[in-house]
């Protein structure tokens, strides 16, 4: 008892250290790296360090040393506790063995025998479970007429031999299954089963998809692949599971097997597909109590079943009793209730595989961080440092800067203009985070005219420094606007010095304005070559409009051409050329023009102007007479 109290105290101390570590922004798993001496100085002088960044590094190093020392003590005490628990278990087994040796018959499940293997070996007795699968016989008549499919232990029970059926209450000490509202739940549906003629078996794809989605959800809760087993009673359903695994690559190492192959084994979480669902009430081997017992007794911590409870309960007394128990405990329904382990008040019910949360949690975390902000990450993700953007004041310059809440402001983050004045009296042109220059670039009038014909202006540091420049060097600082008209017709926006006194002008930055071959106007700088047009393509057909840019080739339309007429249907695709050459329809056009007169053209050509309404004479050439026709109805 003292050992258990001591362990609880150690766990509380460990949790407090972890909480203090998170509050002080010191990760418990931080690599123990000594701060560089070049930054923080020798260790004996750390107490007098004033640089903020260096003090943080020293603080993190010391705090991590303390955490490692405390964790070492906790690990040592935990090992001592494990040793005491082992001794206590040996004493318990000894007392139980002494009692069991006084009995004639002791009954236990195969799972109980596996868990207490040392006790069974010391007892030197054979153990059976009368409700496991029956022994199989080669000749069916031996089982039917002579009862050879009855186990020895079952025969003893039928002959009223006194026995003790050993059960364990250790399952009550297990933690609840994460992410679900119930540790045991039956999802009932009425979706009919399917028959596999090749395998002479049954299957239900809806059940398979649901359990695979549930398995993925449980894996996202942190369970390992070896902690989950998917069971089914039909080989046809097993084949469906294997086929659907291609859509669930994370399930490759999860065991999926038949109930008959899993007798004597157990796992933390069992997902069971019962398959049978029909209007006739035919539930096959699910009528057999032994098989049902094996299927339902494989789980240690969580059992989740999907099947048609209405069909099962109508055909079996055992299932009717189970239905009453499940309804009493509120462990049956048409959808599985999921409860977020981080936000217990968030409960949703799902049956559609697509409704399971893809991240394993409910939605956003919404926990309060040490800084006071709400965590904005997904429910299942670790909160980490606060990423909310806030305004902070930089201690060195007192300027405000927008940073993440978890970041410490430094002068290197400042983007404001420097407010300091240079020795010459002019303001520093750089940003606050940069070192002020000693070469002031403000142009001052030198009091004379240069060779370019403009007033000479020199940088402050040159004029006040007493340096004497040549005429050519003075012209390098001339900032007089060039203003000449370039060959493109635009005005030069460069300066006298940049244009080398008019010899080589700065590139023109005005919009080009030239018309491209597609008809659009070029919008790049005038000095650049016109690139391919980037406007939206304006080509379209009766089926769709081109979604590419004008300079890109259009995607050919593969729909059927709509240029067909009643005389000659077009058999080409929409993007292929038609209506020319020999394929052109030469039958008389039957279209009525806007003036309500009949078109006098041909079907395969554009309708000409109306010969009667057009004030202008419309001539038609007669190919036979080789002359212009004078007849009104000639075409």
Foldseek 3Di string as FASTA:
>chain_A
DVLVVVLVVLVVVLVVLCVVCQLVVAHQPDDQDQDDCVVQNDPVCNVVDDDPVNVVRVVSNVSNVVSVVSVVVSVVSVVVSVVVVVVVVVVVLVVVLVVVLVDDAEEEALLVCVVPVVSCVVNVDDYDDQLAFFDDDPDVCCCVPVVNRGDPVNVCVVVPPDYHYDDDPVLVVDDAQAFFDDQEAEAADQDAWDADPVQRKIADLLLLLQVLLVVLLSVLVVDDLQQEEEEEAIPVHVVSNVVCCVVVVVNPSRHYYYLVVQGSAAHAEYEYEQRHHDPVLDSPCLQRSSSVCSNPPRHRGGYYYYYHLVSSVVNHVVSVVVVVVCVVVVRYYNFTWTAFPQHRVDIDTDSHSVPRDPNSGDAACQDQRSVGDGQGHGNSDDRPAAQDWDWDAEVVPRDIDTGGPRDDDYLLRFAACQQDAAPVGHGFGHTRSDDGDNFAQDWDFPPDAAPLRHTFTGGPCCSVVPHDDDSLVSQLSFFAAPQDQDPLRDTQRGGCNQCVSVPRGDFAQAACQDADPVGDGGGGGNRDDGDFAQDADQDDDPVGGFGGGNRDDGDAAQDCDPLQDPVQGDRHGNRDDALDDPRNAFDADQDQDPVRHGFLHGSSDDGDPDCVPDPDHDWDADPVVRGTDPDPNHD
